[in-house]
């Protein structure tokens, strides 16, 4: 069931990316960028808690790990298509975003990367509360999936 939900989410993200452009044709690209940057901050906040535990920088807490991993999985499953309208890239809006224009021309690749994040986050949510070794075993796939988009599709600082 989760696999079907994840596949549908990834498909929905791709479809929404294609459909979102007309919605934002009236100049609301900045709102979309703000929304996706807020989502990225939430990813970072939750992943930061999990990473600190996995690295041993803070004590492992099963309840905190479960909550953060569940939040991450929920975010990754959320339909974010409206946050990614065509024209909201660093070439068009260099002072607002670091998203490369290639995002909008590589939908199959982006869909796969979105699905990888959703899958890895869901898998981590299932085990994050089962002890530090379980968390440590699952967090690497989440980090790889994040880097799978950030490295090729984000302008370096």
Protein backbone atom coordinates (compact mmCIF):
# COMPACT_ATOMS: atom_id res chain seq x y z
CA UNK A 1 0.00 0.00 0.00
CA UNK A 2 2.81 2.43 0.92
CA UNK A 3 4.57 1.68 -2.38
CA UNK A 4 1.41 2.55 -4.33
CA UNK A 5 0.99 5.75 -2.31
CA UNK A 6 4.62 6.72 -2.93
CA UNK A 7 4.33 6.01 -6.66
CA UNK A 8 1.14 8.04 -6.88
CA UNK A 9 2.78 10.89 -4.96
CA UNK A 10 5.75 10.92 -7.33
CA UNK A 11 3.43 10.82 -10.33
CA UNK A 12 1.31 13.59 -8.83
CA UNK A 13 4.39 15.76 -8.29
CA UNK A 14 5.36 15.37 -11.93
CA UNK A 15 1.86 16.12 -13.18
CA UNK A 16 1.58 19.11 -10.87
CA UNK A 17 4.91 20.48 -12.06
CA UNK A 18 3.58 20.44 -15.59
CA UNK A 19 0.22 21.92 -14.63
CA UNK A 20 1.39 24.57 -12.18
CA UNK A 21 2.80 27.06 -14.71
CA UNK A 22 -0.56 28.61 -15.72
CA UNK A 23 -1.60 28.98 -12.07
CA UNK A 24 1.36 31.24 -11.36
CA UNK A 25 1.32 33.17 -14.64
CA UNK A 26 0.03 36.24 -12.80
CA UNK A 27 3.28 36.92 -10.92
CA UNK A 28 3.08 34.69 -7.86
CA UNK A 29 6.32 32.83 -8.54
CA UNK A 30 7.86 34.29 -5.39
CA UNK A 31 5.12 32.71 -3.24
CA UNK A 32 5.89 29.32 -4.75
CA UNK A 33 9.59 29.76 -4.06
CA UNK A 34 8.87 30.84 -0.47
CA UNK A 35 6.66 27.78 0.05
CA UNK A 36 9.25 25.32 -1.24
CA UNK A 37 12.00 27.00 0.78
CA UNK A 38 9.80 26.63 3.85
CA UNK A 39 9.38 22.92 3.04
CA UNK A 40 13.16 22.58 2.69
CA UNK A 41 13.61 24.23 6.10
CA UNK A 42 11.23 21.68 7.60
CA UNK A 43 13.17 18.86 5.92
CA UNK A 44 16.37 20.31 7.35
CA UNK A 45 14.95 20.76 10.85
CA UNK A 46 13.72 17.19 11.10
CA UNK A 47 16.73 15.65 9.39
CA UNK A 48 18.99 17.72 11.65
CA UNK A 49 17.51 16.07 14.73
CA UNK A 50 17.91 12.63 13.23
CA UNK A 51 21.43 13.31 11.99
CA UNK A 52 22.55 14.60 15.37
CA UNK A 53 21.34 11.38 16.99
CA UNK A 54 22.83 9.17 14.27
CA UNK A 55 26.23 10.87 14.65
CA UNK A 56 26.12 10.67 18.44
CA UNK A 57 26.06 14.44 18.90
CA UNK A 58 22.90 14.15 20.99
CA UNK A 59 21.49 11.21 22.90
CA UNK A 60 19.22 8.91 20.94
CA UNK A 61 15.57 9.37 21.90
CA UNK A 62 13.12 6.93 20.31
CA UNK A 63 10.14 9.29 20.61
CA UNK A 64 11.99 12.23 19.06
CA UNK A 65 13.43 10.02 16.32
CA UNK A 66 10.02 8.59 15.49
CA UNK A 67 8.40 12.03 15.39
CA UNK A 68 11.12 13.59 13.24
CA UNK A 69 11.20 10.65 10.84
CA UNK A 70 7.40 10.68 10.61
CA UNK A 71 7.46 14.40 9.85
CA UNK A 72 10.08 13.86 7.17
CA UNK A 73 8.05 11.05 5.59
CA UNK A 74 4.90 13.20 5.63
CA UNK A 75 6.74 16.08 3.97
CA UNK A 76 8.21 13.81 1.31
CA UNK A 77 4.75 12.37 0.58
CA UNK A 78 3.13 15.81 0.33
CA UNK A 79 2.13 17.04 -3.13
CA UNK A 80 4.57 19.91 -3.69
CA UNK A 81 3.84 20.42 -7.37
CA UNK A 82 2.39 23.92 -6.98
CA UNK A 83 5.65 24.99 -5.32
CA UNK A 84 7.61 24.29 -8.51
CA UNK A 85 6.08 26.35 -11.35
CA UNK A 86 8.14 26.76 -14.49
CA UNK A 87 9.98 30.08 -14.43
CA UNK A 88 10.77 29.93 -10.71
CA UNK A 89 14.40 29.02 -11.27
CA UNK A 90 17.74 30.70 -10.57
CA UNK A 91 18.15 31.82 -14.17
CA UNK A 92 14.82 33.67 -14.14
CA UNK A 93 14.98 34.74 -10.47
CA UNK A 94 18.63 34.65 -9.39
CA UNK A 95 18.15 36.56 -6.15
CA UNK A 96 15.28 34.35 -4.98
CA UNK A 97 16.27 30.72 -5.55
CA UNK A 98 19.11 28.34 -6.35
CA UNK A 99 16.91 25.90 -8.30
CA UNK A 100 18.36 25.22 -11.74
CA UNK A 101 16.16 25.53 -14.82
CA UNK A 102 17.05 21.91 -15.71
CA UNK A 103 14.53 20.76 -13.10
CA UNK A 104 11.69 21.56 -15.49
CA UNK A 105 13.22 19.77 -18.47
CA UNK A 106 14.00 16.50 -16.67
CA UNK A 107 10.64 15.36 -15.32
CA UNK A 108 11.31 11.62 -15.44
CA UNK A 109 14.56 12.10 -13.52
CA UNK A 110 12.99 14.50 -11.03
CA UNK A 111 10.07 12.12 -10.49
CA UNK A 112 12.50 9.31 -9.71
CA UNK A 113 14.41 11.46 -7.25
CA UNK A 114 11.21 12.57 -5.55
CA UNK A 115 10.13 8.94 -5.25
CA UNK A 116 13.53 7.97 -3.82
CA UNK A 117 13.15 10.58 -1.08
CA UNK A 118 9.60 9.47 -0.31
CA UNK A 119 10.64 5.80 -0.20
CA UNK A 120 13.73 6.40 1.95
CA UNK A 121 11.83 8.67 4.34
CA UNK A 122 8.99 6.17 4.70
CA UNK A 123 11.47 3.35 5.36
CA UNK A 124 13.26 5.41 8.00
CA UNK A 125 9.95 6.36 9.66
CA UNK A 126 9.21 2.66 10.12
CA UNK A 127 12.44 1.98 12.06
CA UNK A 128 13.57 5.29 13.58
CA UNK A 129 12.10 4.45 16.98
CA UNK A 130 13.62 0.95 17.05
CA UNK A 131 17.00 2.00 18.37
CA UNK A 132 20.07 3.90 17.29
CA UNK A 133 21.43 1.16 14.98
CA UNK A 134 18.13 1.08 13.08
CA UNK A 135 18.16 4.86 12.66
CA UNK A 136 21.79 4.84 11.56
CA UNK A 137 21.03 2.12 9.04
CA UNK A 138 18.20 4.07 7.45
CA UNK A 139 19.42 7.65 7.46
CA UNK A 140 22.04 7.18 4.75
CA UNK A 141 19.44 6.48 2.06
CA UNK A 142 17.58 9.64 3.04
CA UNK A 143 20.76 11.71 2.79
CA UNK A 144 21.60 10.19 -0.59
CA UNK A 145 18.14 10.98 -1.92
CA UNK A 146 18.44 14.61 -0.75
CA UNK A 147 21.82 14.92 -2.45
CA UNK A 148 20.35 13.30 -5.55
CA UNK A 149 18.48 16.53 -6.24
CA UNK A 150 20.60 19.13 -4.50
CA UNK A 151 23.85 18.25 -6.25
CA UNK A 152 22.67 18.18 -9.87
CA UNK A 153 19.76 20.64 -9.68
CA UNK A 154 20.82 23.42 -7.32
CA UNK A 155 23.17 26.29 -8.10
CA UNK A 156 26.15 26.17 -5.71
CA UNK A 157 26.51 29.00 -3.20
